[in-house]
Amino acid sequence: MAAFLAKQMLGDQMKELQNITGGGKDEEGDGEKKELTEDGQDPEVAEALRQQEEARKEKHRKMEEEREKVRSTIRDKYGLKKKEKEQPQEDQQQEVDEDGVRSLTREKKPPPGIGEEEEEEEGPLDELWKMFSEKFPSIAEKFSNK
């Protein structure tokens, strides 16, 4: 216990004394400067981080492959179809102007059935109004003027 307390109280001072007398190792590796990467990291640390990232990506790739196997067995079991991604190239093709230039700001065509003037079909109220105006023309004139 006494050694622990002595080390806690005098630990830093002892390291400094050892470095001054040459008994301890310098923190910079005996006076040599280490080369750093562009990020300011030690090359060994940068390499270790790169390897960890590669291992993580490989792990996630394997997990996704396993998930896809499970998904495919479920699709096969229940007869489901795999959702296919739409190809945006076909849907968003640019039209060519008269000059042969593709226009991104062209006037969009409305979907079929929108913007077209259609004849209004007579509904039940229209039929009722016709019958009323035939039987009571004087009253119908008063309401149609308003």
C-alpha atoms as a PDB file:
ATOM      1  CA  MET A   1       0.000   0.000   0.000  1.00  0.00           C
ATOM      2  CA  ALA A   2       2.854   2.369   0.816  1.00  0.00           C
ATOM      3  CA  ALA A   3       4.446   1.723  -2.588  1.00  0.00           C
ATOM      4  CA  PHE A   4       1.185   2.649  -4.289  1.00  0.00           C
ATOM      5  CA  LEU A   5       0.929   5.930  -2.413  1.00  0.00           C
ATOM      6  CA  ALA A   6       4.601   6.776  -3.116  1.00  0.00           C
ATOM      7  CA  LYS A   7       4.123   6.045  -6.816  1.00  0.00           C
ATOM      8  CA  GLN A   8       0.997   8.220  -6.981  1.00  0.00           C
ATOM      9  CA  MET A   9       2.674  11.160  -5.277  1.00  0.00           C
ATOM     10  CA  LEU A  10       6.067  10.948  -6.967  1.00  0.00           C
ATOM     11  CA  GLY A  11       5.277   9.098 -10.217  1.00  0.00           C
ATOM     12  CA  ASP A  12       5.500  11.993 -12.654  1.00  0.00           C
ATOM     13  CA  GLN A  13       8.540  13.456 -10.960  1.00  0.00           C
ATOM     14  CA  MET A  14      10.352  10.103 -11.160  1.00  0.00           C
ATOM     15  CA  LYS A  15       9.639   9.818 -14.908  1.00  0.00           C
ATOM     16  CA  GLU A  16      11.013  13.289 -15.510  1.00  0.00           C
ATOM     17  CA  LEU A  17      14.135  12.461 -13.492  1.00  0.00           C
ATOM     18  CA  GLN A  18      14.688   9.250 -15.475  1.00  0.00           C
ATOM     19  CA  ASN A  19      14.293  11.117 -18.799  1.00  0.00           C
ATOM     20  CA  ILE A  20      16.773  13.786 -17.722  1.00  0.00           C
ATOM     21  CA  THR A  21      19.410  11.280 -16.634  1.00  0.00           C
ATOM     22  CA  GLY A  22      18.884   9.157 -19.732  1.00  0.00           C
ATOM     23  CA  GLY A  23      17.646   6.121 -17.836  1.00  0.00           C
ATOM     24  CA  GLY A  24      14.173   6.175 -19.373  1.00  0.00           C
ATOM     25  CA  LYS A  25      12.949   6.135 -22.954  1.00  0.00           C
ATOM     26  CA  ASP A  26      11.965   9.363 -24.640  1.00  0.00           C
ATOM     27  CA  GLU A  27       8.326   9.634 -25.584  1.00  0.00           C
ATOM     28  CA  GLU A  28       9.354  10.326 -29.176  1.00  0.00           C
ATOM     29  CA  GLY A  29      11.303   7.084 -29.540  1.00  0.00           C
ATOM     30  CA  ASP A  30      14.894   8.051 -28.614  1.00  0.00           C
ATOM     31  CA  GLY A  31      14.792  11.472 -30.245  1.00  0.00           C
ATOM     32  CA  GLU A  32      13.604  10.325 -33.682  1.00  0.00           C
ATOM     33  CA  LYS A  33      10.571  12.065 -35.113  1.00  0.00           C
ATOM     34  CA  LYS A  34       7.882   9.791 -36.419  1.00  0.00           C
ATOM     35  CA  GLU A  35       6.340  10.463 -39.802  1.00  0.00           C
ATOM     36  CA  LEU A  36       2.684  11.420 -39.738  1.00  0.00           C
ATOM     37  CA  THR A  37      -0.014  10.983 -42.354  1.00  0.00           C
ATOM     38  CA  GLU A  38      -1.975  13.879 -43.859  1.00  0.00           C
ATOM     39  CA  ASP A  39      -4.482  13.544 -41.004  1.00  0.00           C
ATOM     40  CA  GLY A  40      -1.760  13.972 -38.413  1.00  0.00           C
ATOM     41  CA  GLN A  41      -1.906  10.332 -37.329  1.00  0.00           C
ATOM     42  CA  ASP A  42       0.807   7.798 -36.883  1.00  0.00           C
ATOM     43  CA  PRO A  43       1.018   5.545 -39.998  1.00  0.00           C
ATOM     44  CA  GLU A  44       0.596   2.436 -37.851  1.00  0.00           C
ATOM     45  CA  VAL A  45      -2.562   3.864 -36.284  1.00  0.00           C
ATOM     46  CA  ALA A  46      -3.905   4.888 -39.706  1.00  0.00           C
ATOM     47  CA  GLU A  47      -3.282   1.381 -41.044  1.00  0.00           C
ATOM     48  CA  ALA A  48      -4.996  -0.187 -38.023  1.00  0.00           C
ATOM     49  CA  LEU A  49      -8.031   2.092 -38.509  1.00  0.00           C
ATOM     50  CA  ARG A  50      -8.188   1.192 -42.199  1.00  0.00           C
ATOM     51  CA  GLN A  51      -8.079  -2.530 -41.391  1.00  0.00           C
ATOM     52  CA  GLN A  52     -10.820  -2.114 -38.783  1.00  0.00           C
ATOM     53  CA  GLU A  53     -13.003  -0.295 -41.313  1.00  0.00           C
ATOM     54  CA  GLU A  54     -12.464  -3.041 -43.893  1.00  0.00           C
ATOM     55  CA  ALA A  55     -13.331  -5.717 -41.331  1.00  0.00           C
ATOM     56  CA  ARG A  56     -16.490  -3.815 -40.364  1.00  0.00           C
ATOM     57  CA  LYS A  57     -17.579  -3.479 -44.003  1.00  0.00           C
ATOM     58  CA  GLU A  58     -16.938  -7.178 -44.630  1.00  0.00           C
ATOM     59  CA  LYS A  59     -18.967  -8.099 -41.539  1.00  0.00           C
ATOM     60  CA  HIS A  60     -21.907  -5.962 -42.703  1.00  0.00           C
ATOM     61  CA  ARG A  61     -21.698  -7.399 -46.219  1.00  0.00           C
ATOM     62  CA  LYS A  62     -21.911 -10.943 -44.827  1.00  0.00           C
ATOM     63  CA  MET A  63     -24.841  -9.995 -42.603  1.00  0.00           C
ATOM     64  CA  GLU A  64     -26.685  -8.496 -45.583  1.00  0.00           C
ATOM     65  CA  GLU A  65     -26.073 -11.669 -47.610  1.00  0.00           C
ATOM     66  CA  GLU A  66     -27.572 -13.740 -44.788  1.00  0.00           C
ATOM     67  CA  ARG A  67     -30.583 -11.413 -44.599  1.00  0.00           C
ATOM     68  CA  GLU A  68     -31.092 -11.705 -48.346  1.00  0.00           C
ATOM     69  CA  LYS A  69     -31.048 -15.514 -48.062  1.00  0.00           C
ATOM     70  CA  VAL A  70     -33.728 -15.340 -45.368  1.00  0.00           C
ATOM     71  CA  ARG A  71     -35.780 -12.914 -47.479  1.00  0.00           C
ATOM     72  CA  SER A  72     -35.561 -15.180 -50.519  1.00  0.00           C
ATOM     73  CA  THR A  73     -36.683 -18.244 -48.537  1.00  0.00           C
ATOM     74  CA  ILE A  74     -39.677 -16.273 -47.226  1.00  0.00           C
ATOM     75  CA  ARG A  75     -40.509 -15.052 -50.752  1.00  0.00           C
ATOM     76  CA  ASP A  76     -40.279 -18.627 -52.058  1.00  0.00           C
ATOM     77  CA  LYS A  77     -42.345 -20.030 -49.211  1.00  0.00           C
ATOM     78  CA  TYR A  78     -45.204 -17.546 -49.592  1.00  0.00           C
ATOM     79  CA  GLY A  79     -44.946 -16.990 -53.342  1.00  0.00           C
ATOM     80  CA  LEU A  80     -44.096 -13.308 -53.096  1.00  0.00           C
ATOM     81  CA  LYS A  81     -42.384 -11.382 -55.853  1.00  0.00           C
ATOM     82  CA  LYS A  82     -39.262  -9.376 -55.235  1.00  0.00           C
ATOM     83  CA  LYS A  83     -39.757  -5.639 -55.504  1.00  0.00           C
ATOM     84  CA  GLU A  84     -37.798  -4.313 -58.435  1.00  0.00           C
ATOM     85  CA  LYS A  85     -36.451  -0.799 -58.424  1.00  0.00           C
ATOM     86  CA  GLU A  86     -37.806   1.407 -61.171  1.00  0.00           C
ATOM     87  CA  GLN A  87     -35.289   2.593 -63.665  1.00  0.00           C
ATOM     88  CA  PRO A  88     -35.371   6.368 -63.578  1.00  0.00           C
ATOM     89  CA  GLN A  89     -33.824   6.602 -67.043  1.00  0.00           C
ATOM     90  CA  GLU A  90     -36.993   5.413 -68.752  1.00  0.00           C
ATOM     91  CA  ASP A  91     -39.367   7.563 -66.686  1.00  0.00           C
ATOM     92  CA  GLN A  92     -37.376  10.776 -66.844  1.00  0.00           C
ATOM     93  CA  GLN A  93     -36.252  10.850 -70.431  1.00  0.00           C
ATOM     94  CA  GLN A  94     -35.698  14.311 -71.777  1.00  0.00           C
ATOM     95  CA  GLU A  95     -37.559  15.376 -74.877  1.00  0.00           C
ATOM     96  CA  VAL A  96     -35.726  16.782 -77.857  1.00  0.00           C
ATOM     97  CA  ASP A  97     -36.715  20.280 -79.048  1.00  0.00           C
ATOM     98  CA  GLU A  98     -36.910  21.392 -82.673  1.00  0.00           C
ATOM     99  CA  ASP A  99     -33.281  22.517 -82.459  1.00  0.00           C
ATOM    100  CA  GLY A 100     -32.167  19.062 -81.372  1.00  0.00           C
ATOM    101  CA  VAL A 101     -31.490  20.237 -77.824  1.00  0.00           C
ATOM    102  CA  ARG A 102     -32.828  18.335 -74.863  1.00  0.00           C
ATOM    103  CA  SER A 103     -34.965  20.550 -72.689  1.00  0.00           C
ATOM    104  CA  LEU A 104     -35.211  20.230 -68.943  1.00  0.00           C
ATOM    105  CA  THR A 105     -37.722  23.059 -68.678  1.00  0.00           C
ATOM    106  CA  ARG A 106     -40.220  21.766 -71.193  1.00  0.00           C
ATOM    107  CA  GLU A 107     -43.908  22.126 -70.562  1.00  0.00           C
ATOM    108  CA  LYS A 108     -45.133  18.983 -68.892  1.00  0.00           C
ATOM    109  CA  LYS A 109     -47.977  17.053 -70.415  1.00  0.00           C
ATOM    110  CA  PRO A 110     -50.909  16.508 -68.060  1.00  0.00           C
ATOM    111  CA  PRO A 111     -51.976  12.943 -67.291  1.00  0.00           C
ATOM    112  CA  PRO A 112     -54.841  11.631 -69.410  1.00  0.00           C
ATOM    113  CA  GLY A 113     -58.243  12.803 -68.253  1.00  0.00           C
ATOM    114  CA  ILE A 114     -56.976  15.921 -66.496  1.00  0.00           C
ATOM    115  CA  GLY A 115     -57.489  19.297 -68.096  1.00  0.00           C
ATOM    116  CA  GLU A 116     -59.701  17.943 -70.831  1.00  0.00           C
ATOM    117  CA  GLU A 117     -63.108  19.524 -71.120  1.00  0.00           C
ATOM    118  CA  GLU A 118     -65.678  16.831 -70.906  1.00  0.00           C
ATOM    119  CA  GLU A 119     -69.373  17.133 -71.412  1.00  0.00           C
ATOM    120  CA  GLU A 120     -71.062  17.303 -68.093  1.00  0.00           C
ATOM    121  CA  GLU A 121     -73.273  14.352 -67.531  1.00  0.00           C
ATOM    122  CA  GLU A 122     -76.682  15.141 -66.299  1.00  0.00           C
ATOM    123  CA  GLY A 123     -77.096  14.192 -62.718  1.00  0.00           C
ATOM    124  CA  PRO A 124     -80.310  13.597 -60.816  1.00  0.00           C
ATOM    125  CA  LEU A 125     -80.607  17.265 -59.837  1.00  0.00           C
ATOM    126  CA  ASP A 126     -80.362  18.347 -63.462  1.00  0.00           C
ATOM    127  CA  GLU A 127     -83.130  15.950 -64.426  1.00  0.00           C
ATOM    128  CA  LEU A 128     -85.258  17.188 -61.549  1.00  0.00           C
ATOM    129  CA  TRP A 129     -84.664  20.821 -62.576  1.00  0.00           C
ATOM    130  CA  LYS A 130     -85.748  20.052 -66.164  1.00  0.00           C
ATOM    131  CA  MET A 131     -88.940  18.392 -64.970  1.00  0.00           C
ATOM    132  CA  PHE A 132     -89.662  21.301 -62.606  1.00  0.00           C
ATOM    133  CA  SER A 133     -89.017  23.929 -65.285  1.00  0.00           C
ATOM    134  CA  GLU A 134     -91.349  22.104 -67.715  1.00  0.00           C
ATOM    135  CA  LYS A 135     -94.221  21.932 -65.215  1.00  0.00           C
ATOM    136  CA  PHE A 136     -93.696  25.344 -63.611  1.00  0.00           C
ATOM    137  CA  PRO A 137     -92.026  27.605 -66.163  1.00  0.00           C
ATOM    138  CA  SER A 138     -92.935  30.880 -64.449  1.00  0.00           C
ATOM    139  CA  ILE A 139     -91.333  29.832 -61.144  1.00  0.00           C
ATOM    140  CA  ALA A 140     -88.329  28.331 -62.917  1.00  0.00           C
ATOM    141  CA  GLU A 141     -87.695  31.650 -64.733  1.00  0.00           C
ATOM    142  CA  LYS A 142     -87.554  33.482 -61.430  1.00  0.00           C
ATOM    143  CA  PHE A 143     -84.911  31.085 -60.057  1.00  0.00           C
ATOM    144  CA  SER A 144     -82.873  30.858 -63.267  1.00  0.00           C
ATOM    145  CA  ASN A 145     -82.508  34.690 -63.418  1.00  0.00           C
ATOM    146  CA  LYS A 146     -80.928  34.820 -59.981  1.00  0.00           C
END
